[in-house]
Protein backbone atom coordinates (compact mmCIF):
# COMPACT_ATOMS: atom_id res chain seq x y z
CA MET A 1 2.30 39.32 91.41
CA VAL A 2 2.35 42.15 93.92
CA GLU A 3 4.77 45.07 93.64
CA LEU A 4 5.43 47.59 96.41
CA GLU A 5 7.32 50.79 95.65
CA ARG A 6 7.77 54.08 97.45
CA ASP A 7 7.34 57.49 95.84
CA GLY A 8 8.30 60.09 98.43
CA ASP A 9 5.98 59.56 101.38
CA VAL A 10 3.55 57.42 99.39
CA TRP A 11 3.79 53.65 99.16
CA VAL A 12 2.27 52.26 95.96
CA LEU A 13 1.09 48.65 95.95
CA THR A 14 0.27 47.27 92.50
CA MET A 15 -1.51 43.97 91.84
CA ASP A 16 -0.46 42.73 88.40
CA ASP A 17 -1.71 39.21 87.81
CA GLY A 18 -4.64 39.21 85.41
CA GLU A 19 -7.85 39.33 87.42
CA ASN A 20 -5.80 39.74 90.63
CA ARG A 21 -7.68 37.01 92.42
CA PHE A 22 -6.80 36.02 95.97
CA ASN A 23 -4.97 32.73 96.47
CA ARG A 24 -2.25 31.65 98.87
CA SER A 25 0.63 33.34 97.07
CA SER A 26 -1.18 36.61 96.38
CA ILE A 27 -2.61 36.92 99.89
CA ASP A 28 0.79 36.24 101.44
CA GLU A 29 2.36 38.90 99.21
CA LEU A 30 -0.38 41.42 99.97
CA ILE A 31 -0.13 40.90 103.72
CA ASP A 32 3.66 41.18 103.60
CA ALA A 33 3.37 44.43 101.64
CA VAL A 34 0.89 45.98 104.08
CA LEU A 35 3.05 44.91 107.03
CA THR A 36 6.07 46.53 105.35
CA VAL A 37 4.15 49.81 105.22
CA ALA A 38 3.03 49.41 108.82
CA ALA A 39 6.63 48.84 109.94
CA SER A 40 7.97 51.92 108.14
CA ASP A 41 8.94 55.04 110.02
CA GLY A 42 7.84 58.62 109.55
CA PRO A 43 5.16 60.17 107.36
CA CYS A 44 3.56 57.87 104.84
CA ALA A 45 0.39 56.91 103.01
CA LEU A 46 -0.62 53.87 100.97
CA VAL A 47 -2.16 53.64 97.50
CA THR A 48 -3.23 50.28 96.08
CA THR A 49 -4.16 49.65 92.47
CA GLY A 50 -4.53 46.89 89.91
CA SER A 51 -3.59 46.48 86.28
CA GLY A 52 -5.46 46.40 83.00
CA LYS A 53 -9.22 46.17 83.45
CA PHE A 54 -9.13 44.61 86.92
CA TYR A 55 -8.53 45.98 90.40
CA SER A 56 -9.38 42.56 91.82
CA ASN A 57 -12.05 39.94 91.22
CA GLY A 58 -11.73 38.56 94.74
CA LEU A 59 -11.24 34.95 95.79
CA ASP A 60 -9.67 32.49 93.38
CA LEU A 61 -12.54 30.05 93.78
CA ASP A 62 -11.13 27.40 91.41
CA TRP A 63 -7.91 27.26 93.44
CA LEU A 64 -9.80 27.31 96.74
CA MET A 65 -12.24 24.54 95.78
CA ALA A 66 -9.36 22.32 94.68
CA GLY A 67 -8.30 22.16 98.31
CA GLY A 68 -4.87 21.13 99.50
CA PRO A 69 -2.61 22.15 102.38
CA ALA A 70 -2.14 25.69 101.06
CA THR A 71 -5.84 26.45 101.58
CA GLU A 72 -5.65 25.80 105.34
CA GLY A 73 -6.21 29.06 107.18
CA PHE A 74 -6.51 30.91 103.88
CA ILE A 75 -9.89 32.53 104.49
CA ASP A 76 -8.76 33.79 107.88
CA ASP A 77 -5.78 35.37 106.13
CA VAL A 78 -8.11 37.10 103.68
CA TYR A 79 -10.00 38.56 106.64
CA ARG A 80 -6.68 39.55 108.19
CA LEU A 81 -5.71 41.43 105.02
CA PHE A 82 -8.98 43.37 105.09
CA GLY A 83 -8.45 44.21 108.75
CA LEU A 84 -4.83 45.26 108.29
CA VAL A 85 -5.82 47.69 105.54
CA LEU A 86 -8.87 48.94 107.43
CA GLY A 87 -6.85 49.68 110.56
CA LEU A 88 -3.53 50.71 109.00
CA ASP A 89 -1.87 53.61 110.82
CA CYS A 90 -1.58 55.80 107.74
CA TYR A 91 -4.00 57.21 105.17
CA THR A 92 -4.99 54.68 102.51
CA VAL A 93 -6.42 55.21 99.03
CA ALA A 94 -7.69 52.55 96.64
CA ALA A 95 -7.09 53.53 93.01
CA VAL A 96 -9.71 51.30 91.40
CA ASN A 97 -8.62 51.04 87.79
CA GLY A 98 -11.26 48.48 86.77
CA HIS A 99 -13.53 45.77 88.12
CA ALA A 100 -13.65 45.35 91.90
CA PHE A 101 -15.85 42.33 92.57
CA ALA A 102 -16.55 40.38 95.75
CA GLY A 103 -13.37 40.26 97.84
CA GLY A 104 -11.81 42.81 95.52
CA GLY A 105 -14.63 45.22 96.26
CA MET A 106 -14.24 44.54 99.97
CA LEU A 107 -10.51 45.26 99.81
CA ALA A 108 -11.19 48.53 97.98
CA VAL A 109 -13.66 49.87 100.55
CA ALA A 110 -11.38 48.81 103.42
CA HIS A 111 -9.27 51.84 102.42
CA ASP A 112 -9.96 55.28 103.83
CA VAL A 113 -11.08 56.54 100.43
CA VAL A 114 -11.66 55.09 96.96
CA VAL A 115 -10.98 56.73 93.61
CA MET A 116 -12.61 54.78 90.78
CA ARG A 117 -12.46 54.81 87.02
CA ALA A 118 -15.55 56.53 85.61
CA ASP A 119 -15.96 55.05 82.15
CA ARG A 120 -15.44 51.31 82.65
CA GLY A 121 -15.40 48.80 85.47
CA TYR A 122 -17.85 47.94 88.23
CA TRP A 123 -17.88 47.57 92.02
CA CYS A 124 -20.06 44.62 93.03
CA LEU A 125 -20.85 42.14 95.79
CA PRO A 126 -22.10 39.19 93.68
CA GLU A 127 -22.40 36.67 96.52
CA VAL A 128 -26.22 36.59 96.38
CA ASP A 129 -25.99 35.39 92.77
CA LEU A 130 -23.18 32.94 93.51
CA GLY A 131 -25.00 31.32 96.42
CA LEU A 132 -22.16 32.24 98.78
CA PRO A 133 -23.33 34.26 101.79
CA LEU A 134 -21.12 37.00 103.15
CA ALA A 135 -19.14 35.92 106.18
CA VAL A 136 -19.34 38.16 109.23
CA PRO A 137 -15.88 39.74 108.71
CA MET A 138 -16.72 40.52 105.09
CA PHE A 139 -20.03 42.09 106.04
CA GLU A 140 -18.54 44.08 108.88
CA VAL A 141 -15.77 45.55 106.71
CA VAL A 142 -18.15 46.79 104.01
CA ALA A 143 -20.88 47.84 106.44
CA SER A 144 -18.36 49.95 108.35
CA LYS A 145 -17.61 51.97 105.22
CA VAL A 146 -20.78 52.37 103.14
CA PRO A 147 -24.26 53.74 103.96
CA LYS A 148 -26.72 51.20 105.35
CA ALA A 149 -29.10 51.53 102.40
CA THR A 150 -26.22 50.89 100.01
CA MET A 151 -25.09 47.89 102.04
CA ALA A 152 -28.60 46.45 101.83
CA GLU A 153 -28.90 47.03 98.11
CA ALA A 154 -25.44 45.68 97.32
CA ALA A 155 -25.84 42.57 99.50
CA LEU A 156 -29.42 41.73 98.57
CA THR A 157 -29.39 42.48 94.83
CA GLY A 158 -25.80 41.97 93.67
CA ARG A 159 -26.03 45.26 91.79
CA ARG A 160 -23.05 46.29 89.69
CA TYR A 161 -22.15 49.91 90.36
CA SER A 162 -20.36 51.95 87.73
CA GLY A 163 -18.00 54.65 88.92
CA PRO A 164 -20.57 57.48 88.89
CA GLU A 165 -23.19 55.19 90.46
CA ALA A 166 -20.72 54.19 93.17
CA VAL A 167 -20.13 57.86 93.98
CA ALA A 168 -23.87 58.46 94.27
CA ALA A 169 -24.24 55.40 96.51
CA GLY A 170 -21.46 56.50 98.87
CA ILE A 171 -19.12 53.63 97.96
CA VAL A 172 -16.36 55.70 96.40
CA ALA A 173 -15.28 59.31 96.77
CA ALA A 174 -14.62 60.13 93.12
CA ALA A 175 -15.03 58.69 89.64
CA VAL A 176 -12.50 60.07 87.17
CA PRO A 177 -11.10 59.31 83.70
CA ALA A 178 -8.90 56.22 83.53
CA ASP A 179 -5.66 58.18 83.17
CA ASP A 180 -6.49 60.24 86.26
CA VAL A 181 -7.26 57.41 88.69
CA LEU A 182 -3.75 56.74 89.95
CA PRO A 183 -2.50 60.36 89.80
CA GLN A 184 -5.51 61.60 91.76
CA ALA A 185 -5.13 58.81 94.31
CA MET A 186 -1.43 59.61 94.65
CA ALA A 187 -2.07 63.31 95.11
CA LEU A 188 -4.70 62.65 97.75
CA ALA A 189 -2.45 60.20 99.58
CA ALA A 190 0.49 62.61 99.52
CA SER A 191 -1.65 65.39 100.95
CA MET A 192 -2.53 63.19 103.93
CA ALA A 193 0.83 61.51 104.52
CA GLY A 194 1.81 63.88 107.32
CA LYS A 195 -1.11 63.01 109.61
CA SER A 196 -0.27 61.56 113.01
CA ARG A 197 0.03 57.81 112.59
CA SER A 198 -0.76 57.03 116.22
CA VAL A 199 -3.89 59.18 116.11
CA LEU A 200 -4.99 57.64 112.82
CA ALA A 201 -4.62 54.16 114.31
CA GLU A 202 -6.70 55.09 117.36
CA HIS A 203 -9.39 56.83 115.33
CA LYS A 204 -9.67 53.88 112.99
CA ARG A 205 -10.05 51.61 116.01
CA LEU A 206 -12.88 53.81 117.25
CA LEU A 207 -14.50 54.02 113.83
CA HIS A 208 -14.15 50.39 112.79
CA GLY A 209 -13.65 48.41 116.00
CA PRO A 210 -16.27 45.68 115.33
CA ALA A 211 -14.93 45.08 111.82
CA LEU A 212 -11.33 44.98 113.02
CA ALA A 213 -12.27 42.50 115.74
CA ALA A 214 -14.19 40.34 113.27
CA CYS A 215 -11.12 40.28 111.01
CA GLY A 216 -8.93 39.15 113.91
CA VAL A 217 -6.65 42.18 114.07
CA LEU A 218 -8.00 43.81 117.23
């Protein structure tokens, strides 16, 4: 379940479905929510967060492997979600309340900045241990946001980064106590909500053009 609410100039998107894995219904809801923000007028910013001990654990592999009509085009829609967030014409903050694994970690770093819980939860790209290589759009999104050495370590080792370790590696901007994650993300988003949306969109295109193109949104 995805909830989208507005608090002043800040849109708050909350994923509240256990591990917040990506399947047809959740991806459709997430894309619709991001498009709602994109279609809004005036100053705004976006904060996304999860619930409980999960931000998102990425793809719902059991659902995906079961196949069926609903899986058709699904992976392209996952890439589209990453691209929409990466190129959104307002400032975006991921309030990572818990685990952000695989696609969940990719979604987090697609934001302009990440605030992560310090005491529990990990950011991780586990694909090397799952035997599932990163697709080009996935790689491009993460590589456009983290240092090259961190990208290499994360992709080649599957390391799990705690909040403080993720700060040191350049993955997230801040690691704070659990109760401070969302308030700090909200405050940061509010402080940036007045930035020019057209300029933000153009600068993000310049910064992340290859990733946006790979995700099919440019």
